[in-house]
C-alpha atoms as a PDB file:
ATOM      1  CA  UNK A   1       9.577   9.229  12.868  1.00  0.00           C
ATOM      2  CA  UNK A   2       8.447  10.354  16.266  1.00  0.00           C
ATOM      3  CA  UNK A   3       5.190  11.646  17.700  1.00  0.00           C
ATOM      4  CA  UNK A   4       4.752  14.844  19.714  1.00  0.00           C
ATOM      5  CA  UNK A   5       5.924  12.965  22.840  1.00  0.00           C
ATOM      6  CA  UNK A   6       9.144  11.976  21.050  1.00  0.00           C
ATOM      7  CA  UNK A   7       8.104   8.332  20.969  1.00  0.00           C
ATOM      8  CA  UNK A   8       9.001   6.232  17.935  1.00  0.00           C
ATOM      9  CA  UNK A   9       5.982   5.652  15.700  1.00  0.00           C
ATOM     10  CA  UNK A  10       7.663   4.454  12.493  1.00  0.00           C
ATOM     11  CA  UNK A  11       8.040   0.758  11.684  1.00  0.00           C
ATOM     12  CA  UNK A  12      10.820  -0.968   9.826  1.00  0.00           C
ATOM     13  CA  UNK A  13       9.787  -2.852   6.692  1.00  0.00           C
ATOM     14  CA  UNK A  14      10.239  -6.081   8.614  1.00  0.00           C
ATOM     15  CA  UNK A  15       8.086  -4.921  11.536  1.00  0.00           C
ATOM     16  CA  UNK A  16       5.406  -3.747   9.087  1.00  0.00           C
ATOM     17  CA  UNK A  17       5.407  -7.103   7.263  1.00  0.00           C
ATOM     18  CA  UNK A  18       5.331  -9.037  10.549  1.00  0.00           C
ATOM     19  CA  UNK A  19       2.341  -7.017  11.748  1.00  0.00           C
ATOM     20  CA  UNK A  20       0.431  -7.788   8.559  1.00  0.00           C
ATOM     21  CA  UNK A  21       1.419 -11.458   8.585  1.00  0.00           C
ATOM     22  CA  UNK A  22       0.444 -11.871  12.235  1.00  0.00           C
ATOM     23  CA  UNK A  23      -2.741  -9.786  11.764  1.00  0.00           C
ATOM     24  CA  UNK A  24      -1.927  -7.488  14.653  1.00  0.00           C
ATOM     25  CA  UNK A  25      -4.414  -4.813  15.666  1.00  0.00           C
ATOM     26  CA  UNK A  26      -4.774  -2.149  12.940  1.00  0.00           C
ATOM     27  CA  UNK A  27      -3.086  -4.524  10.474  1.00  0.00           C
ATOM     28  CA  UNK A  28      -5.693  -7.288  10.546  1.00  0.00           C
ATOM     29  CA  UNK A  29      -7.676  -6.024   7.557  1.00  0.00           C
ATOM     30  CA  UNK A  30      -4.856  -5.087   5.170  1.00  0.00           C
ATOM     31  CA  UNK A  31      -5.931  -4.875   1.523  1.00  0.00           C
ATOM     32  CA  UNK A  32      -3.482  -6.251  -1.059  1.00  0.00           C
ATOM     33  CA  UNK A  33      -5.413  -5.092  -4.133  1.00  0.00           C
ATOM     34  CA  UNK A  34      -3.052  -2.171  -4.748  1.00  0.00           C
ATOM     35  CA  UNK A  35      -0.185  -4.614  -5.221  1.00  0.00           C
ATOM     36  CA  UNK A  36      -1.913  -6.551  -8.000  1.00  0.00           C
ATOM     37  CA  UNK A  37      -0.650  -4.241 -10.756  1.00  0.00           C
ATOM     38  CA  UNK A  38       2.909  -4.485  -9.414  1.00  0.00           C
ATOM     39  CA  UNK A  39       2.734  -8.289  -9.487  1.00  0.00           C
ATOM     40  CA  UNK A  40       1.377  -8.222 -13.042  1.00  0.00           C
ATOM     41  CA  UNK A  41       4.318  -6.072 -14.160  1.00  0.00           C
ATOM     42  CA  UNK A  42       6.811  -8.363 -12.408  1.00  0.00           C
ATOM     43  CA  UNK A  43       5.179 -11.378 -14.042  1.00  0.00           C
ATOM     44  CA  UNK A  44       5.528  -9.771 -17.493  1.00  0.00           C
ATOM     45  CA  UNK A  45       9.205  -9.029 -16.856  1.00  0.00           C
ATOM     46  CA  UNK A  46       9.860 -12.604 -15.725  1.00  0.00           C
ATOM     47  CA  UNK A  47       8.005 -14.042 -18.727  1.00  0.00           C
ATOM     48  CA  UNK A  48       9.931 -11.771 -21.108  1.00  0.00           C
ATOM     49  CA  UNK A  49      13.251 -12.792 -19.588  1.00  0.00           C
ATOM     50  CA  UNK A  50      12.285 -16.479 -19.708  1.00  0.00           C
ATOM     51  CA  UNK A  51      11.527 -16.126 -23.433  1.00  0.00           C
ATOM     52  CA  UNK A  52      14.990 -14.634 -24.004  1.00  0.00           C
ATOM     53  CA  UNK A  53      16.596 -17.579 -22.219  1.00  0.00           C
ATOM     54  CA  UNK A  54      14.728 -20.060 -24.420  1.00  0.00           C
ATOM     55  CA  UNK A  55      16.017 -18.432 -27.630  1.00  0.00           C
END
């Protein structure tokens, strides 16, 4: 993705994650609340699979 001056403005996933981790400007107040539901679903999947392994 490029801006009107043809300069790259898109970040790779790794660059995005690094910016959040290092609290770079504009990334220093990132809210993780939206991910909570995703983590709950992943946890349920893992728990379900673990139960199958125990049987």
